[in-house]
Amino acid sequence: MKRVALLAVGLLVAGCSTPAADGGPTAPRADAPVIDRTVQPLAAGLTVAVGGRELKLPKAPERIVCLNGLCDDVLTELDIVPTATSNPTLLTHPALLGDRGSAVPVVKGSFGSEDVESIGALRPDLVIGLPGVHDPLRPAIEKFAPLWLVEPATWQQSLESLRALGALTGRTDAAMRAEQRFRDKLAAAVTATHQNGKAKRKALLMYGSADSIGVDTNQSLKGDLLGQLFTYPFPAKGTDAATASNYSVEELLAKQPDVVFVYSLLFSDKDRTLSAQLADNAVWRQIPAVQHGHVYEMHAKLWGSGRGTRSLTAVIDEAVAKVPGN
């Protein structure tokens, strides 16, 4: 699917819209990505796999501790409240639990260095974290609960995660309903952006600091998703994870984005947003999105940490609303 997104972006750049004969909305372009709306049957089970990572549990989990945003998101879709979370800002977002999320205990410690003893005290049946971040915690956590590390790279893998937890918890009907809602949402949004000209707009999603700008490339979950809706010409730069997502301001200008979405990772009230840090940069000011006032600071946790269908649905709605059409 990641490679399909790259092909779709290339076709979007080359394609053109044909006006409808009656002067109404244009017909969907032939190069629009085809979103399969079909939801396959789902059965309960204790062995699942997502993105090649298998998980086998001795019993259906009832107490689940979330160390990544995907977990909070999927449990919300399944109408399950996490036993604890390390992402309270995301969980309390209106797209997830809203104010009800404030009652969920917060895991002690910082992200990637959560306090294992406090997790164990919660008596979890399952702990879900992020690969590359929570791997060092595995030996300690697996003394009292299975640790599942999962990170979707495409929206299809997000659905796999939803289905997997639906199967593990026996919430198969809820998982299938949520999957159908998301497939319908994405399919409708793709049709709309290819009818109203928004698909021709170049979009960019970025984060980091003025000294180290990161881009959600079209080989990432959000970049892949935005590539279904708009033109998204931001490939990964090689295979080195440390540098593949790094873009200079000059490289951003060369891509000529029409709309820029930013999620600034702020650690104090004194920190400036990324767009504010770049405001005086002469090269940055030449970017079309900057010149036309189409740079938007988005909810950092939703756009940065949200990996499930609740978060992705909100991202679709917010992005489509801000990208200009014909």
Protein backbone atom coordinates (compact mmCIF):
# COMPACT_ATOMS: atom_id res chain seq x y z
CA MET A 1 0.00 0.00 0.00
CA LYS A 2 2.86 2.41 0.67
CA ARG A 3 4.03 2.06 -2.93
CA VAL A 4 0.46 2.47 -4.17
CA ALA A 5 0.36 5.87 -2.46
CA LEU A 6 3.50 6.91 -4.34
CA LEU A 7 1.94 5.90 -7.66
CA ALA A 8 -1.26 7.70 -6.78
CA VAL A 9 0.61 10.92 -6.03
CA GLY A 10 2.44 10.78 -9.36
CA LEU A 11 -0.78 10.26 -11.24
CA LEU A 12 -2.47 13.11 -9.41
CA VAL A 13 0.21 15.51 -10.58
CA ALA A 14 -0.14 14.36 -14.20
CA GLY A 15 -3.94 14.20 -14.30
CA CYS A 16 -6.54 16.86 -15.00
CA SER A 17 -10.21 17.37 -14.17
CA THR A 18 -12.95 17.38 -16.80
CA PRO A 19 -15.88 19.74 -16.16
CA ALA A 20 -19.32 18.14 -16.00
CA ALA A 21 -21.57 18.83 -18.98
CA ASP A 22 -24.18 20.61 -16.85
CA GLY A 23 -21.67 22.93 -15.22
CA GLY A 24 -22.02 21.17 -11.85
CA PRO A 25 -19.31 19.35 -9.86
CA THR A 26 -16.61 17.73 -11.94
CA ALA A 27 -16.70 13.98 -12.38
CA PRO A 28 -14.28 11.89 -10.29
CA ARG A 29 -10.90 11.74 -11.99
CA ALA A 30 -9.92 8.39 -13.45
CA ASP A 31 -6.66 8.43 -11.49
CA ALA A 32 -8.34 8.70 -8.08
CA PRO A 33 -7.22 5.95 -5.66
CA VAL A 34 -9.82 3.21 -5.34
CA ILE A 35 -10.78 2.64 -1.70
CA ASP A 36 -12.23 -0.79 -1.07
CA ARG A 37 -15.31 -0.42 1.13
CA THR A 38 -15.61 -4.16 1.77
CA VAL A 39 -15.27 -5.38 5.36
CA GLN A 40 -14.31 -9.01 5.68
CA PRO A 41 -15.88 -11.20 8.40
CA LEU A 42 -14.06 -11.22 11.70
CA ALA A 43 -14.00 -14.00 14.28
CA ALA A 44 -12.83 -13.87 17.87
CA GLY A 45 -9.43 -15.45 18.49
CA LEU A 46 -6.35 -15.31 20.69
CA THR A 47 -3.71 -15.27 17.93
CA VAL A 48 -3.42 -12.23 15.67
CA ALA A 49 -0.84 -10.59 13.41
CA VAL A 50 -0.39 -7.00 12.23
CA GLY A 51 2.38 -5.92 9.90
CA GLY A 52 4.11 -9.26 10.35
CA ARG A 53 4.13 -9.00 14.15
CA GLU A 54 2.23 -11.87 15.75
CA LEU A 55 0.65 -11.87 19.17
CA LYS A 56 -0.75 -14.91 20.97
CA LEU A 57 -2.53 -14.53 24.30
CA PRO A 58 -3.59 -17.15 26.84
CA LYS A 59 -6.99 -15.47 27.34
CA ALA A 60 -9.03 -12.54 26.11
CA PRO A 61 -7.58 -9.35 27.63
CA GLU A 62 -9.78 -7.26 29.88
CA ARG A 63 -7.24 -4.88 31.43
CA ILE A 64 -5.17 -3.18 28.71
CA VAL A 65 -2.51 -0.53 29.36
CA CYS A 66 -1.82 1.81 26.44
CA LEU A 67 1.69 3.13 25.89
CA ASN A 68 0.97 4.34 22.35
CA GLY A 69 -1.82 6.35 20.75
CA LEU A 70 -2.96 3.52 18.51
CA CYS A 71 -4.01 1.53 21.57
CA ASP A 72 -6.09 4.38 23.04
CA ASP A 73 -7.73 4.95 19.68
CA VAL A 74 -8.63 1.33 18.96
CA LEU A 75 -9.94 0.68 22.45
CA THR A 76 -12.19 3.74 22.12
CA GLU A 77 -13.57 2.32 18.85
CA LEU A 78 -14.27 -0.96 20.65
CA ASP A 79 -16.00 0.86 23.54
CA ILE A 80 -13.28 -0.25 25.94
CA VAL A 81 -11.72 2.17 28.42
CA PRO A 82 -7.94 1.69 28.82
CA THR A 83 -6.80 0.54 32.23
CA ALA A 84 -4.18 3.29 31.99
CA THR A 85 -2.63 5.46 29.30
CA SER A 86 0.58 7.32 28.61
CA ASN A 87 -1.24 9.57 26.12
CA PRO A 88 -3.81 11.49 28.20
CA THR A 89 -3.82 14.50 25.87
CA LEU A 90 -4.81 12.29 22.95
CA LEU A 91 -7.29 10.20 24.93
CA THR A 92 -9.15 13.33 26.10
CA HIS A 93 -9.38 14.75 22.58
CA PRO A 94 -13.03 14.98 21.41
CA ALA A 95 -12.26 12.46 18.65
CA LEU A 96 -11.60 9.84 21.34
CA LEU A 97 -13.04 9.90 24.88
CA GLY A 98 -13.17 13.65 25.40
CA ASP A 99 -13.73 14.67 29.02
CA ARG A 100 -14.40 11.04 30.01
CA GLY A 101 -10.75 10.30 29.30
CA SER A 102 -9.62 12.42 32.25
CA ALA A 103 -10.74 9.64 34.59
CA VAL A 104 -8.27 7.14 33.08
CA PRO A 105 -5.10 6.73 35.18
CA VAL A 106 -1.91 8.06 33.58
CA VAL A 107 1.12 5.79 33.46
CA LYS A 108 4.01 7.21 35.46
CA GLY A 109 7.25 8.16 33.74
CA SER A 110 8.06 9.72 30.38
CA PHE A 111 7.28 8.31 26.94
CA GLY A 112 9.63 5.40 26.27
CA SER A 113 10.74 5.34 29.91
CA GLU A 114 7.45 4.51 31.61
CA ASP A 115 7.63 3.23 35.18
CA VAL A 116 7.32 -0.54 34.83
CA GLU A 117 6.53 -1.07 38.51
CA SER A 118 3.51 1.22 38.27
CA ILE A 119 2.36 -0.62 35.13
CA GLY A 120 2.62 -3.95 36.94
CA ALA A 121 0.59 -2.60 39.85
CA LEU A 122 -2.32 -2.13 37.42
CA ARG A 123 -2.46 -5.93 36.86
CA PRO A 124 -2.79 -5.67 33.05
CA ASP A 125 -3.64 -8.59 30.77
CA LEU A 126 -1.93 -6.81 27.89
CA VAL A 127 0.38 -3.83 27.40
CA ILE A 128 0.56 -2.18 23.96
CA GLY A 129 3.51 0.00 22.98
CA LEU A 130 5.54 1.29 20.06
CA PRO A 131 8.35 -0.65 18.34
CA GLY A 132 11.69 1.10 18.51
CA VAL A 133 10.56 2.91 21.65
CA HIS A 134 9.31 0.35 24.14
CA ASP A 135 11.53 -2.61 23.18
CA PRO A 136 13.84 -2.02 26.19
CA LEU A 137 10.87 -2.44 28.53
CA ARG A 138 10.01 -5.90 27.23
CA PRO A 139 12.05 -8.03 29.69
CA ALA A 140 10.53 -6.25 32.70
CA ILE A 141 6.94 -5.99 31.43
CA GLU A 142 6.74 -9.58 30.23
CA LYS A 143 7.31 -10.77 33.77
CA PHE A 144 3.67 -9.89 34.45
CA ALA A 145 1.92 -9.30 31.06
CA PRO A 146 2.36 -9.75 27.30
CA LEU A 147 3.82 -6.71 25.53
CA TRP A 148 2.63 -6.05 21.99
CA LEU A 149 4.59 -3.49 19.98
CA VAL A 150 2.78 -2.29 16.87
CA GLU A 151 3.05 0.75 14.59
CA PRO A 152 0.93 0.94 11.42
CA ALA A 153 2.60 2.45 8.37
CA THR A 154 -0.60 2.62 6.28
CA TRP A 155 -4.29 3.09 6.98
CA GLN A 156 -4.80 -0.57 6.05
CA GLN A 157 -2.46 -1.59 8.86
CA SER A 158 -4.44 0.65 11.22
CA LEU A 159 -7.49 -1.37 10.27
CA GLU A 160 -5.52 -4.58 10.85
CA SER A 161 -4.79 -3.36 14.38
CA LEU A 162 -8.46 -2.57 14.93
CA ARG A 163 -9.48 -6.02 13.72
CA ALA A 164 -6.76 -7.70 15.78
CA LEU A 165 -7.88 -6.12 19.05
CA GLY A 166 -11.50 -6.73 18.09
CA ALA A 167 -10.69 -10.42 17.72
CA LEU A 168 -8.63 -10.60 20.93
CA THR A 169 -11.28 -8.90 23.05
CA GLY A 170 -14.27 -10.57 21.39
CA ARG A 171 -15.57 -7.16 20.22
CA THR A 172 -15.78 -8.33 16.62
CA ASP A 173 -19.05 -6.57 15.75
CA ALA A 174 -17.78 -3.24 17.09
CA ALA A 175 -14.52 -3.65 15.15
CA MET A 176 -16.33 -4.39 11.91
CA ARG A 177 -18.68 -1.42 12.34
CA ALA A 178 -15.73 0.89 13.01
CA GLU A 179 -13.88 -0.46 10.00
CA GLN A 180 -16.90 0.13 7.78
CA ARG A 181 -17.25 3.69 9.02
CA PHE A 182 -13.64 4.45 8.24
CA ARG A 183 -13.64 2.82 4.81
CA ASP A 184 -16.78 4.76 3.89
CA LYS A 185 -15.31 8.00 5.25
CA LEU A 186 -12.05 7.67 3.31
CA ALA A 187 -13.77 6.56 0.10
CA ALA A 188 -16.17 9.52 0.22
CA ALA A 189 -13.34 11.95 0.98
CA VAL A 190 -11.22 10.65 -1.92
CA THR A 191 -14.16 11.02 -4.30
CA ALA A 192 -14.81 14.55 -3.06
CA THR A 193 -11.22 15.81 -3.35
CA HIS A 194 -10.97 14.45 -6.88
CA GLN A 195 -14.23 16.14 -7.83
CA ASN A 196 -13.59 19.56 -6.36
CA GLY A 197 -9.97 20.01 -7.42
CA LYS A 198 -8.46 19.65 -3.95
CA ALA A 199 -6.59 16.52 -5.08
CA LYS A 200 -4.41 18.75 -7.29
CA ARG A 201 -3.20 20.75 -4.29
CA LYS A 202 0.20 19.87 -2.88
CA ALA A 203 0.00 19.18 0.84
CA LEU A 204 2.75 18.85 3.45
CA LEU A 205 2.75 17.59 7.03
CA MET A 206 5.78 18.60 9.09
CA TYR A 207 7.09 18.71 12.65
CA GLY A 208 10.31 19.27 14.60
CA SER A 209 12.23 22.54 14.91
CA ALA A 210 13.65 25.15 12.57
CA ASP A 211 17.05 23.50 12.97
CA SER A 212 15.74 20.00 12.28
CA ILE A 213 12.57 19.86 10.19
CA GLY A 214 10.86 16.50 9.99
CA VAL A 215 8.34 15.55 7.32
CA ASP A 216 5.72 12.82 7.43
CA THR A 217 6.84 11.27 4.14
CA ASN A 218 4.49 9.34 1.90
CA GLN A 219 5.99 6.21 3.41
CA SER A 220 4.52 7.14 6.80
CA LEU A 221 0.97 6.62 8.03
CA LYS A 222 -0.19 10.25 7.78
CA GLY A 223 1.77 10.98 4.62
CA ASP A 224 0.29 7.91 2.97
CA LEU A 225 -3.20 8.95 4.08
CA LEU A 226 -2.82 12.53 2.83
CA GLY A 227 -1.50 11.09 -0.43
CA GLN A 228 -4.88 9.47 -1.02
CA LEU A 229 -6.62 12.83 -0.80
CA PHE A 230 -4.17 15.36 -2.23
CA THR A 231 -0.89 15.56 -4.12
CA TYR A 232 1.83 14.63 -1.64
CA PRO A 233 5.32 14.81 -3.22
CA PHE A 234 7.41 14.05 -0.14
CA PRO A 235 9.17 10.67 -0.40
CA ALA A 236 11.49 9.30 2.24
CA LYS A 237 15.09 10.32 1.60
CA GLY A 238 16.80 6.95 1.66
CA THR A 239 16.48 4.14 4.18
CA ASP A 240 18.35 5.59 7.16
CA ALA A 241 15.64 6.22 9.77
CA ALA A 242 17.72 9.02 11.30
CA THR A 243 17.70 11.12 8.13
CA ALA A 244 14.97 9.77 5.83
CA SER A 245 12.37 12.27 7.06
CA ASN A 246 14.63 15.34 7.31
CA TYR A 247 13.98 18.15 4.83
CA SER A 248 15.64 21.56 4.60
CA VAL A 249 13.60 24.70 4.03
CA GLU A 250 15.11 24.90 0.55
CA GLU A 251 13.89 21.37 -0.22
CA LEU A 252 10.41 22.27 0.98
CA LEU A 253 10.38 25.32 -1.27
CA ALA A 254 11.40 23.17 -4.25
CA LYS A 255 8.27 21.04 -3.75
CA GLN A 256 6.02 24.16 -3.77
CA PRO A 257 3.38 22.97 -1.25
CA ASP A 258 0.03 24.77 -1.41
CA VAL A 259 -0.98 23.83 2.13
CA VAL A 260 1.24 23.06 5.13
CA PHE A 261 0.02 21.22 8.23
CA VAL A 262 2.29 21.45 11.28
CA TYR A 263 2.27 19.62 14.58
CA SER A 264 4.63 21.36 16.95
CA LEU A 265 6.01 19.34 19.84
CA LEU A 266 5.99 21.85 22.69
CA PHE A 267 7.40 21.04 26.10
CA SER A 268 6.69 24.31 27.90
CA ASP A 269 4.60 27.45 27.55
CA LYS A 270 7.74 29.28 26.45
CA ASP A 271 8.33 27.03 23.42
CA ARG A 272 7.45 28.53 20.05
CA THR A 273 5.55 26.61 17.40
CA LEU A 274 7.52 25.43 14.39
CA SER A 275 5.76 27.83 12.05
CA ALA A 276 6.60 30.71 14.41
CA GLN A 277 10.25 29.66 14.46
CA LEU A 278 10.32 29.80 10.67
CA ALA A 279 8.37 33.04 10.29
CA ASP A 280 11.47 35.20 9.70
CA ASN A 281 13.14 32.73 7.34
CA ALA A 282 13.35 34.32 3.87
CA VAL A 283 13.21 30.96 2.06
CA TRP A 284 10.21 29.82 4.10
CA ARG A 285 8.33 32.99 3.18
CA GLN A 286 8.64 32.08 -0.52
CA ILE A 287 6.65 28.84 -0.12
CA PRO A 288 3.20 29.18 -1.75
CA ALA A 289 1.37 27.94 1.36
CA VAL A 290 3.10 30.62 3.45
CA GLN A 291 2.44 33.37 0.94
CA HIS A 292 -1.28 32.54 0.76
CA GLY A 293 -1.81 32.00 4.49
CA HIS A 294 -2.34 28.25 4.24
CA VAL A 295 -0.02 27.14 7.07
CA TYR A 296 -1.93 25.51 9.92
CA GLU A 297 -0.77 24.46 13.37
CA MET A 298 -2.68 21.27 14.18
CA HIS A 299 -3.35 19.35 17.41
CA ALA A 300 0.07 17.82 18.05
CA LYS A 301 -1.07 14.60 19.70
CA LEU A 302 -3.91 13.91 17.26
CA TRP A 303 -1.79 14.51 14.17
CA GLY A 304 1.46 13.19 15.62
CA SER A 305 0.48 10.28 17.87
CA GLY A 306 -2.99 9.34 16.64
CA ARG A 307 -2.68 6.16 14.60
CA GLY A 308 -6.13 4.59 14.82
CA THR A 309 -9.33 5.13 12.88
CA ARG A 310 -10.75 7.74 15.28
CA SER A 311 -7.67 9.93 14.87
CA LEU A 312 -7.37 9.32 11.13
CA THR A 313 -11.02 10.23 10.60
CA ALA A 314 -10.46 13.54 12.39
CA VAL A 315 -7.32 14.16 10.32
CA ILE A 316 -9.29 13.56 7.11
CA ASP A 317 -12.04 15.97 8.16
CA GLU A 318 -9.64 18.69 9.27
CA ALA A 319 -7.37 18.39 6.25
CA VAL A 320 -10.18 18.39 3.68
CA ALA A 321 -11.73 21.43 5.34
CA LYS A 322 -8.51 23.46 5.10
CA VAL A 323 -7.25 22.56 1.62
CA PRO A 324 -8.69 24.94 -1.00
CA GLY A 325 -10.52 23.56 -4.04
CA ASN A 326 -10.91 24.93 -7.54
